[in-house]
Amino acid sequence: MALQDIEYPACPEHEISMVPHTFDTRDASLLQGTVEGFRCPNLDCSIVYVEGTLRGFYTLEPSGHLTPYHI
């Protein structure tokens, strides 16, 4: 299977490409089972980009809640 040509979003804080990540209900408090998106490769950074209906940048809180990130 060939990899799709995907343009990865850049972390607004570190200006580096984010890495694919699948969030589940343990990672993010959402009504959906899983959410696909990206997270900053800097493990100390809590900024994530979520795909789908919630599309956009968020801060992933230690509690698992997503807070909209304002650039």
PDB file of N, CA and C in Angstrom:
ATOM      1  N   MET A   1       0.852  -1.181   0.000  1.00  0.00           N
ATOM      2  CA  MET A   1       0.000   0.000   0.000  1.00  0.00           C
ATOM      3  C   MET A   1       0.893   1.237   0.000  1.00  0.00           C
ATOM      4  N   ALA A   2       0.626   2.173  -0.882  1.00  0.00           N
ATOM      5  CA  ALA A   2       1.409   3.398  -0.969  1.00  0.00           C
ATOM      6  C   ALA A   2       0.940   4.407   0.074  1.00  0.00           C
ATOM      7  N   LEU A   3       1.887   5.133   0.626  1.00  0.00           N
ATOM      8  CA  LEU A   3       1.538   6.178   1.574  1.00  0.00           C
ATOM      9  C   LEU A   3       0.924   7.352   0.832  1.00  0.00           C
ATOM     10  N   GLN A   4      -0.080   7.936   1.421  1.00  0.00           N
ATOM     11  CA  GLN A   4      -0.717   9.098   0.822  1.00  0.00           C
ATOM     12  C   GLN A   4       0.197  10.313   0.984  1.00  0.00           C
ATOM     13  N   ASP A   5       0.090  11.246   0.065  1.00  0.00           N
ATOM     14  CA  ASP A   5       0.805  12.511   0.213  1.00  0.00           C
ATOM     15  C   ASP A   5      -0.016  13.388   1.144  1.00  0.00           C
ATOM     16  N   ILE A   6       0.409  13.455   2.385  1.00  0.00           N
ATOM     17  CA  ILE A   6      -0.314  14.214   3.400  1.00  0.00           C
ATOM     18  C   ILE A   6       0.558  15.380   3.837  1.00  0.00           C
ATOM     19  N   GLU A   7      -0.031  16.552   3.882  1.00  0.00           N
ATOM     20  CA  GLU A   7       0.683  17.703   4.408  1.00  0.00           C
ATOM     21  C   GLU A   7       0.400  17.771   5.904  1.00  0.00           C
ATOM     22  N   TYR A   8       1.429  17.560   6.697  1.00  0.00           N
ATOM     23  CA  TYR A   8       1.265  17.569   8.145  1.00  0.00           C
ATOM     24  C   TYR A   8       1.257  19.010   8.649  1.00  0.00           C
ATOM     25  N   PRO A   9       0.380  19.315   9.604  1.00  0.00           N
ATOM     26  CA  PRO A   9       0.384  20.667  10.164  1.00  0.00           C
ATOM     27  C   PRO A   9       1.660  20.888  10.976  1.00  0.00           C
ATOM     28  N   ALA A  10       2.023  22.146  11.141  1.00  0.00           N
ATOM     29  CA  ALA A  10       3.194  22.501  11.942  1.00  0.00           C
ATOM     30  C   ALA A  10       2.732  22.985  13.311  1.00  0.00           C
ATOM     31  N   CYS A  11       3.458  22.596  14.342  1.00  0.00           N
ATOM     32  CA  CYS A  11       3.154  23.062  15.697  1.00  0.00           C
ATOM     33  C   CYS A  11       3.336  24.574  15.729  1.00  0.00           C
ATOM     34  N   PRO A  12       2.309  25.332  16.136  1.00  0.00           N
ATOM     35  CA  PRO A  12       2.423  26.786  16.146  1.00  0.00           C
ATOM     36  C   PRO A  12       3.434  27.292  17.175  1.00  0.00           C
ATOM     37  N   GLU A  13       3.755  26.494  18.150  1.00  0.00           N
ATOM     38  CA  GLU A  13       4.704  26.883  19.196  1.00  0.00           C
ATOM     39  C   GLU A  13       6.150  26.620  18.779  1.00  0.00           C
ATOM     40  N   HIS A  14       6.398  25.474  18.135  1.00  0.00           N
ATOM     41  CA  HIS A  14       7.756  25.057  17.807  1.00  0.00           C
ATOM     42  C   HIS A  14       8.089  25.132  16.320  1.00  0.00           C
ATOM     43  N   GLU A  15       7.077  25.386  15.475  1.00  0.00           N
ATOM     44  CA  GLU A  15       7.239  25.524  14.030  1.00  0.00           C
ATOM     45  C   GLU A  15       7.924  24.305  13.393  1.00  0.00           C
ATOM     46  N   ILE A  16       7.559  23.105  13.865  1.00  0.00           N
ATOM     47  CA  ILE A  16       8.036  21.853  13.286  1.00  0.00           C
ATOM     48  C   ILE A  16       6.829  21.003  12.924  1.00  0.00           C
ATOM     49  N   SER A  17       7.015  20.103  11.955  1.00  0.00           N
ATOM     50  CA  SER A  17       5.909  19.235  11.534  1.00  0.00           C
ATOM     51  C   SER A  17       5.442  18.354  12.679  1.00  0.00           C
ATOM     52  N   MET A  18       4.132  18.245  12.795  1.00  0.00           N
ATOM     53  CA  MET A  18       3.543  17.391  13.818  1.00  0.00           C
ATOM     54  C   MET A  18       3.528  15.956  13.305  1.00  0.00           C
ATOM     55  N   VAL A  19       3.343  15.010  14.211  1.00  0.00           N
ATOM     56  CA  VAL A  19       3.337  13.596  13.853  1.00  0.00           C
ATOM     57  C   VAL A  19       1.928  13.037  14.004  1.00  0.00           C
ATOM     58  N   PRO A  20       1.541  12.072  13.139  1.00  0.00           N
ATOM     59  CA  PRO A  20       0.195  11.483  13.246  1.00  0.00           C
ATOM     60  C   PRO A  20      -0.023  10.858  14.616  1.00  0.00           C
ATOM     61  N   HIS A  21      -1.248  10.984  15.098  1.00  0.00           N
ATOM     62  CA  HIS A  21      -1.595  10.440  16.407  1.00  0.00           C
ATOM     63  C   HIS A  21      -3.086  10.113  16.412  1.00  0.00           C
ATOM     64  N   THR A  22      -3.443   9.007  17.002  1.00  0.00           N
ATOM     65  CA  THR A  22      -4.853   8.655  17.185  1.00  0.00           C
ATOM     66  C   THR A  22      -5.179   8.775  18.662  1.00  0.00           C
ATOM     67  N   PHE A  23      -6.125   9.627  18.974  1.00  0.00           N
ATOM     68  CA  PHE A  23      -6.550   9.846  20.354  1.00  0.00           C
ATOM     69  C   PHE A  23      -7.710   8.907  20.649  1.00  0.00           C
ATOM     70  N   ASP A  24      -7.721   8.314  21.811  1.00  0.00           N
ATOM     71  CA  ASP A  24      -8.908   7.561  22.231  1.00  0.00           C
ATOM     72  C   ASP A  24      -9.489   8.253  23.455  1.00  0.00           C
ATOM     73  N   THR A  25     -10.548   7.703  24.005  1.00  0.00           N
ATOM     74  CA  THR A  25     -11.245   8.381  25.092  1.00  0.00           C
ATOM     75  C   THR A  25     -10.391   8.493  26.353  1.00  0.00           C
ATOM     76  N   ARG A  26      -9.301   7.734  26.435  1.00  0.00           N
ATOM     77  CA  ARG A  26      -8.392   7.899  27.570  1.00  0.00           C
ATOM     78  C   ARG A  26      -7.497   9.110  27.364  1.00  0.00           C
ATOM     79  N   ASP A  27      -7.257   9.498  26.089  1.00  0.00           N
ATOM     80  CA  ASP A  27      -6.414  10.650  25.786  1.00  0.00           C
ATOM     81  C   ASP A  27      -7.210  11.945  25.734  1.00  0.00           C
ATOM     82  N   ALA A  28      -8.421  11.877  25.270  1.00  0.00           N
ATOM     83  CA  ALA A  28      -9.226  13.081  25.085  1.00  0.00           C
ATOM     84  C   ALA A  28     -10.663  12.792  25.475  1.00  0.00           C
ATOM     85  N   SER A  29     -11.237  13.660  26.275  1.00  0.00           N
ATOM     86  CA  SER A  29     -12.617  13.482  26.725  1.00  0.00           C
ATOM     87  C   SER A  29     -13.573  13.962  25.644  1.00  0.00           C
ATOM     88  N   LEU A  30     -13.945  13.044  24.770  1.00  0.00           N
ATOM     89  CA  LEU A  30     -14.836  13.356  23.659  1.00  0.00           C
ATOM     90  C   LEU A  30     -15.941  12.326  23.605  1.00  0.00           C
ATOM     91  N   LEU A  31     -17.002  12.652  22.902  1.00  0.00           N
ATOM     92  CA  LEU A  31     -18.109  11.725  22.773  1.00  0.00           C
ATOM     93  C   LEU A  31     -17.790  10.615  21.785  1.00  0.00           C
ATOM     94  N   GLN A  32     -16.820  10.830  20.897  1.00  0.00           N
ATOM     95  CA  GLN A  32     -16.465   9.850  19.890  1.00  0.00           C
ATOM     96  C   GLN A  32     -15.515   8.829  20.500  1.00  0.00           C
ATOM     97  N   GLY A  33     -15.434   7.644  19.902  1.00  0.00           N
ATOM     98  CA  GLY A  33     -14.535   6.613  20.391  1.00  0.00           C
ATOM     99  C   GLY A  33     -13.079   6.943  20.143  1.00  0.00           C
ATOM    100  N   THR A  34     -12.738   7.296  18.907  1.00  0.00           N
ATOM    101  CA  THR A  34     -11.376   7.688  18.582  1.00  0.00           C
ATOM    102  C   THR A  34     -11.402   8.924  17.703  1.00  0.00           C
ATOM    103  N   VAL A  35     -10.337   9.685  17.790  1.00  0.00           N
ATOM    104  CA  VAL A  35     -10.195  10.899  17.001  1.00  0.00           C
ATOM    105  C   VAL A  35      -8.802  10.878  16.398  1.00  0.00           C
ATOM    106  N   GLU A  36      -8.713  11.145  15.095  1.00  0.00           N
ATOM    107  CA  GLU A  36      -7.412  11.167  14.447  1.00  0.00           C
ATOM    108  C   GLU A  36      -6.907  12.591  14.343  1.00  0.00           C
ATOM    109  N   GLY A  37      -5.601  12.707  14.435  1.00  0.00           N
ATOM    110  CA  GLY A  37      -5.000  14.028  14.327  1.00  0.00           C
ATOM    111  C   GLY A  37      -3.490  13.941  14.408  1.00  0.00           C
ATOM    112  N   PHE A  38      -2.891  14.977  14.945  1.00  0.00           N
ATOM    113  CA  PHE A  38      -1.449  15.093  15.022  1.00  0.00           C
ATOM    114  C   PHE A  38      -1.065  15.685  16.366  1.00  0.00           C
ATOM    115  N   ARG A  39       0.143  15.347  16.808  1.00  0.00           N
ATOM    116  CA  ARG A  39       0.655  15.979  18.014  1.00  0.00           C
ATOM    117  C   ARG A  39       2.080  16.418  17.759  1.00  0.00           C
ATOM    118  N   CYS A  40       2.539  17.366  18.539  1.00  0.00           N
ATOM    119  CA  CYS A  40       3.894  17.890  18.404  1.00  0.00           C
ATOM    120  C   CYS A  40       4.879  16.787  18.778  1.00  0.00           C
ATOM    121  N   PRO A  41       5.969  16.633  18.009  1.00  0.00           N
ATOM    122  CA  PRO A  41       6.953  15.614  18.358  1.00  0.00           C
ATOM    123  C   PRO A  41       7.742  15.962  19.624  1.00  0.00           C
ATOM    124  N   ASN A  42       7.684  17.224  20.050  1.00  0.00           N
ATOM    125  CA  ASN A  42       8.301  17.620  21.309  1.00  0.00           C
ATOM    126  C   ASN A  42       7.399  17.080  22.426  1.00  0.00           C
ATOM    127  N   LEU A  43       7.869  16.094  23.159  1.00  0.00           N
ATOM    128  CA  LEU A  43       7.018  15.410  24.141  1.00  0.00           C
ATOM    129  C   LEU A  43       6.581  16.298  25.299  1.00  0.00           C
ATOM    130  N   ASP A  44       7.244  17.437  25.490  1.00  0.00           N
ATOM    131  CA  ASP A  44       6.840  18.368  26.542  1.00  0.00           C
ATOM    132  C   ASP A  44       5.725  19.306  26.085  1.00  0.00           C
ATOM    133  N   CYS A  45       5.410  19.271  24.789  1.00  0.00           N
ATOM    134  CA  CYS A  45       4.402  20.162  24.215  1.00  0.00           C
ATOM    135  C   CYS A  45       3.026  19.493  24.256  1.00  0.00           C
ATOM    136  N   SER A  46       2.019  20.243  24.669  1.00  0.00           N
ATOM    137  CA  SER A  46       0.666  19.689  24.773  1.00  0.00           C
ATOM    138  C   SER A  46      -0.238  20.122  23.616  1.00  0.00           C
ATOM    139  N   ILE A  47       0.335  20.731  22.578  1.00  0.00           N
ATOM    140  CA  ILE A  47      -0.458  21.198  21.437  1.00  0.00           C
ATOM    141  C   ILE A  47      -0.717  20.039  20.482  1.00  0.00           C
ATOM    142  N   VAL A  48      -1.982  19.885  20.092  1.00  0.00           N
ATOM    143  CA  VAL A  48      -2.386  18.839  19.160  1.00  0.00           C
ATOM    144  C   VAL A  48      -3.234  19.467  18.059  1.00  0.00           C
ATOM    145  N   TYR A  49      -3.308  18.779  16.917  1.00  0.00           N
ATOM    146  CA  TYR A  49      -4.197  19.185  15.835  1.00  0.00           C
ATOM    147  C   TYR A  49      -5.170  18.044  15.609  1.00  0.00           C
ATOM    148  N   VAL A  50      -6.458  18.340  15.649  1.00  0.00           N
ATOM    149  CA  VAL A  50      -7.501  17.330  15.527  1.00  0.00           C
ATOM    150  C   VAL A  50      -8.151  17.451  14.156  1.00  0.00           C
ATOM    151  N   GLU A  51      -8.372  16.303  13.502  1.00  0.00           N
ATOM    152  CA  GLU A  51      -9.054  16.244  12.202  1.00  0.00           C
ATOM    153  C   GLU A  51     -10.554  16.064  12.423  1.00  0.00           C
ATOM    154  N   GLY A  52     -11.301  16.092  11.352  1.00  0.00           N
ATOM    155  CA  GLY A  52     -12.743  15.811  11.408  1.00  0.00           C
ATOM    156  C   GLY A  52     -13.563  17.016  11.822  1.00  0.00           C
ATOM    157  N   THR A  53     -14.691  16.760  12.481  1.00  0.00           N
ATOM    158  CA  THR A  53     -15.611  17.843  12.836  1.00  0.00           C
ATOM    159  C   THR A  53     -15.009  18.807  13.854  1.00  0.00           C
ATOM    160  N   LEU A  54     -14.043  18.346  14.628  1.00  0.00           N
ATOM    161  CA  LEU A  54     -13.393  19.211  15.621  1.00  0.00           C
ATOM    162  C   LEU A  54     -12.153  19.891  15.060  1.00  0.00           C
ATOM    163  N   ARG A  55     -11.959  19.839  13.763  1.00  0.00           N
ATOM    164  CA  ARG A  55     -10.733  20.292  13.087  1.00  0.00           C
ATOM    165  C   ARG A  55     -10.171  21.576  13.694  1.00  0.00           C
ATOM    166  N   GLY A  56      -8.889  21.499  14.066  1.00  0.00           N
ATOM    167  CA  GLY A  56      -8.201  22.683  14.563  1.00  0.00           C
ATOM    168  C   GLY A  56      -7.155  22.330  15.600  1.00  0.00           C
ATOM    169  N   PHE A  57      -6.464  23.355  16.085  1.00  0.00           N
ATOM    170  CA  PHE A  57      -5.442  23.188  17.120  1.00  0.00           C
ATOM    171  C   PHE A  57      -6.080  23.241  18.499  1.00  0.00           C
ATOM    172  N   TYR A  58      -5.592  22.371  19.379  1.00  0.00           N
ATOM    173  CA  TYR A  58      -6.072  22.299  20.754  1.00  0.00           C
ATOM    174  C   TYR A  58      -4.896  22.085  21.687  1.00  0.00           C
ATOM    175  N   THR A  59      -5.116  22.392  22.956  1.00  0.00           N
ATOM    176  CA  THR A  59      -4.176  22.026  24.003  1.00  0.00           C
ATOM    177  C   THR A  59      -4.767  20.810  24.693  1.00  0.00           C
ATOM    178  N   LEU A  60      -3.977  19.739  24.771  1.00  0.00           N
ATOM    179  CA  LEU A  60      -4.424  18.523  25.444  1.00  0.00           C
ATOM    180  C   LEU A  60      -4.049  18.646  26.914  1.00  0.00           C
ATOM    181  N   GLU A  61      -5.060  18.830  27.757  1.00  0.00           N
ATOM    182  CA  GLU A  61      -4.852  19.002  29.192  1.00  0.00           C
ATOM    183  C   GLU A  61      -4.480  17.664  29.834  1.00  0.00           C
ATOM    184  N   PRO A  62      -3.774  17.682  30.983  1.00  0.00           N
ATOM    185  CA  PRO A  62      -3.431  16.431  31.676  1.00  0.00           C
ATOM    186  C   PRO A  62      -4.672  15.588  32.014  1.00  0.00           C
ATOM    187  N   SER A  63      -5.824  16.249  32.177  1.00  0.00           N
ATOM    188  CA  SER A  63      -7.069  15.549  32.498  1.00  0.00           C
ATOM    189  C   SER A  63      -7.648  14.825  31.275  1.00  0.00           C
ATOM    190  N   GLY A  64      -7.112  15.137  30.071  1.00  0.00           N
ATOM    191  CA  GLY A  64      -7.623  14.544  28.839  1.00  0.00           C
ATOM    192  C   GLY A  64      -8.564  15.458  28.081  1.00  0.00           C
ATOM    193  N   HIS A  65      -8.914  16.587  28.636  1.00  0.00           N
ATOM    194  CA  HIS A  65      -9.802  17.523  27.944  1.00  0.00           C
ATOM    195  C   HIS A  65      -9.031  18.303  26.891  1.00  0.00           C
ATOM    196  N   LEU A  66      -9.723  18.618  25.807  1.00  0.00           N
ATOM    197  CA  LEU A  66      -9.151  19.429  24.744  1.00  0.00           C
ATOM    198  C   LEU A  66      -9.655  20.864  24.907  1.00  0.00           C
ATOM    199  N   THR A  67      -8.722  21.804  24.944  1.00  0.00           N
ATOM    200  CA  THR A  67      -9.044  23.231  25.040  1.00  0.00           C
ATOM    201  C   THR A  67      -8.608  23.887  23.739  1.00  0.00           C
ATOM    202  N   PRO A  68      -9.499  24.645  23.077  1.00  0.00           N
ATOM    203  CA  PRO A  68      -9.100  25.296  21.828  1.00  0.00           C
ATOM    204  C   PRO A  68      -7.822  26.113  22.020  1.00  0.00           C
ATOM    205  N   TYR A  69      -6.899  25.980  21.082  1.00  0.00           N
ATOM    206  CA  TYR A  69      -5.641  26.721  21.105  1.00  0.00           C
ATOM    207  C   TYR A  69      -5.819  27.956  20.247  1.00  0.00           C
ATOM    208  N   HIS A  70      -5.504  29.110  20.815  1.00  0.00           N
ATOM    209  CA  HIS A  70      -5.634  30.372  20.084  1.00  0.00           C
ATOM    210  C   HIS A  70      -4.256  30.836  19.645  1.00  0.00           C
ATOM    211  N   ILE A  71      -4.084  30.901  18.312  1.00  0.00           N
ATOM    212  CA  ILE A  71      -2.798  31.290  17.740  1.00  0.00           C
ATOM    213  C   ILE A  71      -2.614  32.784  17.863  1.00  0.00           C
TER     214      ILE A  71
END
